[in-house]
Amino acid sequence: MPSKKALNPPAGECTQCWLHAYDSREQHKHLGPREDCPACVDHMNNGHGNMIVGR
């Protein structure tokens, strides 16, 4: 289960980026060594959309 910090990004941060940064092992456990996370790659290529926490 993600930590409270991983689930509560501060204003101006992206919820997915924050979760994947602070709960990285759990979010990426399905990946092999040196394998990129498809969700992260898609997110980097297509932007944050509406995932930025309001101020």
PDB file of N, CA and C in Angstrom:
ATOM      1  N   MET A   1       0.849  -1.181   0.000  1.00  0.00           N
ATOM      2  CA  MET A   1       0.000   0.000   0.000  1.00  0.00           C
ATOM      3  C   MET A   1       0.893   1.241   0.000  1.00  0.00           C
ATOM      4  N   PRO A   2       0.572   2.196  -0.862  1.00  0.00           N
ATOM      5  CA  PRO A   2       1.372   3.421  -0.925  1.00  0.00           C
ATOM      6  C   PRO A   2       1.328   4.187   0.391  1.00  0.00           C
ATOM      7  N   SER A   3       2.397   4.889   0.668  1.00  0.00           N
ATOM      8  CA  SER A   3       2.468   5.695   1.889  1.00  0.00           C
ATOM      9  C   SER A   3       1.519   6.889   1.780  1.00  0.00           C
ATOM     10  N   LYS A   4       1.253   7.493   2.919  1.00  0.00           N
ATOM     11  CA  LYS A   4       0.396   8.671   2.937  1.00  0.00           C
ATOM     12  C   LYS A   4       1.016   9.789   2.098  1.00  0.00           C
ATOM     13  N   LYS A   5       2.354   9.903   2.158  1.00  0.00           N
ATOM     14  CA  LYS A   5       3.050  10.927   1.374  1.00  0.00           C
ATOM     15  C   LYS A   5       2.854  10.677  -0.123  1.00  0.00           C
ATOM     16  N   ALA A   6       2.937   9.420  -0.552  1.00  0.00           N
ATOM     17  CA  ALA A   6       2.796   9.084  -1.970  1.00  0.00           C
ATOM     18  C   ALA A   6       1.406   9.413  -2.499  1.00  0.00           C
ATOM     19  N   LEU A   7       0.425   9.368  -1.636  1.00  0.00           N
ATOM     20  CA  LEU A   7      -0.963   9.596  -2.050  1.00  0.00           C
ATOM     21  C   LEU A   7      -1.424  11.046  -1.894  1.00  0.00           C
ATOM     22  N   ASN A   8      -0.558  11.909  -1.352  1.00  0.00           N
ATOM     23  CA  ASN A   8      -0.952  13.296  -1.085  1.00  0.00           C
ATOM     24  C   ASN A   8       0.062  14.288  -1.641  1.00  0.00           C
ATOM     25  N   PRO A   9       0.105  14.455  -2.959  1.00  0.00           N
ATOM     26  CA  PRO A   9       1.054  15.407  -3.525  1.00  0.00           C
ATOM     27  C   PRO A   9       0.672  16.844  -3.162  1.00  0.00           C
ATOM     28  N   PRO A  10       1.663  17.713  -3.028  1.00  0.00           N
ATOM     29  CA  PRO A  10       1.361  19.116  -2.741  1.00  0.00           C
ATOM     30  C   PRO A  10       0.808  19.823  -3.971  1.00  0.00           C
ATOM     31  N   ALA A  11       0.239  20.971  -3.746  1.00  0.00           N
ATOM     32  CA  ALA A  11      -0.311  21.775  -4.842  1.00  0.00           C
ATOM     33  C   ALA A  11       0.762  22.026  -5.897  1.00  0.00           C
ATOM     34  N   GLY A  12       0.358  21.928  -7.139  1.00  0.00           N
ATOM     35  CA  GLY A  12       1.256  22.182  -8.246  1.00  0.00           C
ATOM     36  C   GLY A  12       1.991  20.949  -8.744  1.00  0.00           C
ATOM     37  N   GLU A  13       1.846  19.821  -8.049  1.00  0.00           N
ATOM     38  CA  GLU A  13       2.506  18.582  -8.453  1.00  0.00           C
ATOM     39  C   GLU A  13       1.504  17.659  -9.139  1.00  0.00           C
ATOM     40  N   CYS A  14       2.019  16.766  -9.966  1.00  0.00           N
ATOM     41  CA  CYS A  14       1.192  15.797 -10.675  1.00  0.00           C
ATOM     42  C   CYS A  14       0.983  14.563  -9.791  1.00  0.00           C
ATOM     43  N   THR A  15      -0.250  14.093  -9.697  1.00  0.00           N
ATOM     44  CA  THR A  15      -0.547  12.952  -8.835  1.00  0.00           C
ATOM     45  C   THR A  15       0.183  11.686  -9.286  1.00  0.00           C
ATOM     46  N   GLN A  16       0.255  11.445 -10.595  1.00  0.00           N
ATOM     47  CA  GLN A  16       0.933  10.237 -11.078  1.00  0.00           C
ATOM     48  C   GLN A  16       2.441  10.323 -10.867  1.00  0.00           C
ATOM     49  N   CYS A  17       3.031  11.458 -11.198  1.00  0.00           N
ATOM     50  CA  CYS A  17       4.483  11.614 -11.008  1.00  0.00           C
ATOM     51  C   CYS A  17       4.834  11.438  -9.535  1.00  0.00           C
ATOM     52  N   TRP A  18       4.058  12.048  -8.673  1.00  0.00           N
ATOM     53  CA  TRP A  18       4.306  11.986  -7.237  1.00  0.00           C
ATOM     54  C   TRP A  18       4.188  10.541  -6.739  1.00  0.00           C
ATOM     55  N   LEU A  19       3.139   9.842  -7.142  1.00  0.00           N
ATOM     56  CA  LEU A  19       2.935   8.451  -6.731  1.00  0.00           C
ATOM     57  C   LEU A  19       4.090   7.577  -7.217  1.00  0.00           C
ATOM     58  N   HIS A  20       4.448   7.716  -8.481  1.00  0.00           N
ATOM     59  CA  HIS A  20       5.515   6.886  -9.036  1.00  0.00           C
ATOM     60  C   HIS A  20       6.878   7.233  -8.437  1.00  0.00           C
ATOM     61  N   ALA A  21       7.054   8.456  -7.957  1.00  0.00           N
ATOM     62  CA  ALA A  21       8.312   8.837  -7.313  1.00  0.00           C
ATOM     63  C   ALA A  21       8.389   8.325  -5.869  1.00  0.00           C
ATOM     64  N   TYR A  22       7.305   8.433  -5.114  1.00  0.00           N
ATOM     65  CA  TYR A  22       7.329   8.079  -3.705  1.00  0.00           C
ATOM     66  C   TYR A  22       6.845   6.670  -3.397  1.00  0.00           C
ATOM     67  N   ASP A  23       6.400   5.948  -4.389  1.00  0.00           N
ATOM     68  CA  ASP A  23       6.012   4.543  -4.236  1.00  0.00           C
ATOM     69  C   ASP A  23       6.553   3.763  -5.437  1.00  0.00           C
ATOM     70  N   SER A  24       7.765   4.113  -5.827  1.00  0.00           N
ATOM     71  CA  SER A  24       8.364   3.603  -7.055  1.00  0.00           C
ATOM     72  C   SER A  24       8.452   2.083  -7.107  1.00  0.00           C
ATOM     73  N   ARG A  25       8.916   1.463  -6.049  1.00  0.00           N
ATOM     74  CA  ARG A  25       9.069   0.000  -6.066  1.00  0.00           C
ATOM     75  C   ARG A  25       7.756  -0.708  -6.335  1.00  0.00           C
ATOM     76  N   GLU A  26       6.720  -0.285  -5.657  1.00  0.00           N
ATOM     77  CA  GLU A  26       5.413  -0.920  -5.828  1.00  0.00           C
ATOM     78  C   GLU A  26       4.830  -0.629  -7.213  1.00  0.00           C
ATOM     79  N   GLN A  27       4.943   0.614  -7.662  1.00  0.00           N
ATOM     80  CA  GLN A  27       4.370   1.016  -8.943  1.00  0.00           C
ATOM     81  C   GLN A  27       5.085   0.371 -10.127  1.00  0.00           C
ATOM     82  N   HIS A  28       6.348   0.022  -9.932  1.00  0.00           N
ATOM     83  CA  HIS A  28       7.141  -0.515 -11.039  1.00  0.00           C
ATOM     84  C   HIS A  28       7.561  -1.971 -10.840  1.00  0.00           C
ATOM     85  N   LYS A  29       6.967  -2.659  -9.882  1.00  0.00           N
ATOM     86  CA  LYS A  29       7.382  -4.033  -9.577  1.00  0.00           C
ATOM     87  C   LYS A  29       7.111  -5.008 -10.724  1.00  0.00           C
ATOM     88  N   HIS A  30       6.198  -4.679 -11.604  1.00  0.00           N
ATOM     89  CA  HIS A  30       5.860  -5.554 -12.733  1.00  0.00           C
ATOM     90  C   HIS A  30       6.877  -5.454 -13.873  1.00  0.00           C
ATOM     91  N   LEU A  31       7.818  -4.528 -13.769  1.00  0.00           N
ATOM     92  CA  LEU A  31       8.788  -4.300 -14.832  1.00  0.00           C
ATOM     93  C   LEU A  31      10.048  -5.133 -14.629  1.00  0.00           C
ATOM     94  N   GLY A  32      10.683  -5.465 -15.716  1.00  0.00           N
ATOM     95  CA  GLY A  32      11.963  -6.149 -15.656  1.00  0.00           C
ATOM     96  C   GLY A  32      13.077  -5.145 -15.449  1.00  0.00           C
ATOM     97  N   PRO A  33      14.299  -5.640 -15.243  1.00  0.00           N
ATOM     98  CA  PRO A  33      15.424  -4.733 -15.072  1.00  0.00           C
ATOM     99  C   PRO A  33      15.611  -3.872 -16.326  1.00  0.00           C
ATOM    100  N   ARG A  34      15.836  -2.615 -16.104  1.00  0.00           N
ATOM    101  CA  ARG A  34      16.077  -1.637 -17.192  1.00  0.00           C
ATOM    102  C   ARG A  34      14.886  -1.460 -18.137  1.00  0.00           C
ATOM    103  N   GLU A  35      13.715  -1.905 -17.733  1.00  0.00           N
ATOM    104  CA  GLU A  35      12.510  -1.740 -18.554  1.00  0.00           C
ATOM    105  C   GLU A  35      11.802  -0.447 -18.147  1.00  0.00           C
ATOM    106  N   ASP A  36      11.424   0.354 -19.131  1.00  0.00           N
ATOM    107  CA  ASP A  36      10.708   1.591 -18.852  1.00  0.00           C
ATOM    108  C   ASP A  36       9.252   1.298 -18.509  1.00  0.00           C
ATOM    109  N   CYS A  37       8.710   2.091 -17.621  1.00  0.00           N
ATOM    110  CA  CYS A  37       7.307   1.970 -17.234  1.00  0.00           C
ATOM    111  C   CYS A  37       6.444   2.568 -18.349  1.00  0.00           C
ATOM    112  N   PRO A  38       5.564   1.761 -18.969  1.00  0.00           N
ATOM    113  CA  PRO A  38       4.724   2.285 -20.054  1.00  0.00           C
ATOM    114  C   PRO A  38       3.863   3.476 -19.621  1.00  0.00           C
ATOM    115  N   ALA A  39       3.357   3.440 -18.407  1.00  0.00           N
ATOM    116  CA  ALA A  39       2.529   4.549 -17.922  1.00  0.00           C
ATOM    117  C   ALA A  39       3.355   5.826 -17.793  1.00  0.00           C
ATOM    118  N   CYS A  40       4.584   5.699 -17.312  1.00  0.00           N
ATOM    119  CA  CYS A  40       5.456   6.871 -17.174  1.00  0.00           C
ATOM    120  C   CYS A  40       5.866   7.417 -18.542  1.00  0.00           C
ATOM    121  N   VAL A  41       6.203   6.535 -19.465  1.00  0.00           N
ATOM    122  CA  VAL A  41       6.595   6.962 -20.809  1.00  0.00           C
ATOM    123  C   VAL A  41       5.433   7.686 -21.484  1.00  0.00           C
ATOM    124  N   ASP A  42       4.239   7.120 -21.401  1.00  0.00           N
ATOM    125  CA  ASP A  42       3.061   7.750 -21.984  1.00  0.00           C
ATOM    126  C   ASP A  42       2.827   9.117 -21.353  1.00  0.00           C
ATOM    127  N   HIS A  43       2.977   9.176 -20.062  1.00  0.00           N
ATOM    128  CA  HIS A  43       2.764  10.411 -19.316  1.00  0.00           C
ATOM    129  C   HIS A  43       3.777  11.479 -19.740  1.00  0.00           C
ATOM    130  N   MET A  44       5.039  11.082 -19.913  1.00  0.00           N
ATOM    131  CA  MET A  44       6.068  12.033 -20.346  1.00  0.00           C
ATOM    132  C   MET A  44       5.801  12.528 -21.768  1.00  0.00           C
ATOM    133  N   ASN A  45       5.331  11.648 -22.628  1.00  0.00           N
ATOM    134  CA  ASN A  45       5.080  12.021 -24.020  1.00  0.00           C
ATOM    135  C   ASN A  45       3.804  12.836 -24.203  1.00  0.00           C
ATOM    136  N   ASN A  46       2.807  12.570 -23.380  1.00  0.00           N
ATOM    137  CA  ASN A  46       1.491  13.199 -23.570  1.00  0.00           C
ATOM    138  C   ASN A  46       1.113  14.232 -22.511  1.00  0.00           C
ATOM    139  N   GLY A  47       1.977  14.481 -21.565  1.00  0.00           N
ATOM    140  CA  GLY A  47       1.727  15.508 -20.563  1.00  0.00           C
ATOM    141  C   GLY A  47       0.927  15.027 -19.363  1.00  0.00           C
ATOM    142  N   HIS A  48       0.666  15.961 -18.495  1.00  0.00           N
ATOM    143  CA  HIS A  48       0.016  15.669 -17.216  1.00  0.00           C
ATOM    144  C   HIS A  48      -1.501  15.724 -17.280  1.00  0.00           C
ATOM    145  N   GLY A  49      -2.037  16.288 -18.339  1.00  0.00           N
ATOM    146  CA  GLY A  49      -3.489  16.379 -18.440  1.00  0.00           C
ATOM    147  C   GLY A  49      -4.069  17.119 -17.254  1.00  0.00           C
ATOM    148  N   ASN A  50      -5.045  16.524 -16.631  1.00  0.00           N
ATOM    149  CA  ASN A  50      -5.704  17.164 -15.483  1.00  0.00           C
ATOM    150  C   ASN A  50      -5.221  16.567 -14.158  1.00  0.00           C
ATOM    151  N   MET A  51      -3.984  16.089 -14.127  1.00  0.00           N
ATOM    152  CA  MET A  51      -3.471  15.416 -12.934  1.00  0.00           C
ATOM    153  C   MET A  51      -2.685  16.339 -12.008  1.00  0.00           C
ATOM    154  N   ILE A  52      -2.586  17.630 -12.320  1.00  0.00           N
ATOM    155  CA  ILE A  52      -1.878  18.572 -11.460  1.00  0.00           C
ATOM    156  C   ILE A  52      -2.821  18.982 -10.336  1.00  0.00           C
ATOM    157  N   VAL A  53      -2.317  18.876  -9.111  1.00  0.00           N
ATOM    158  CA  VAL A  53      -3.121  19.228  -7.931  1.00  0.00           C
ATOM    159  C   VAL A  53      -3.315  20.738  -7.884  1.00  0.00           C
ATOM    160  N   GLY A  54      -4.558  21.148  -7.658  1.00  0.00           N
ATOM    161  CA  GLY A  54      -4.879  22.577  -7.580  1.00  0.00           C
ATOM    162  C   GLY A  54      -4.235  23.251  -6.391  1.00  0.00           C
ATOM    163  N   ARG A  55      -4.122  24.514  -6.494  1.00  0.00           N
ATOM    164  CA  ARG A  55      -3.497  25.313  -5.416  1.00  0.00           C
ATOM    165  C   ARG A  55      -4.512  25.708  -4.395  1.00  0.00           C
TER     166      ARG A  55
END
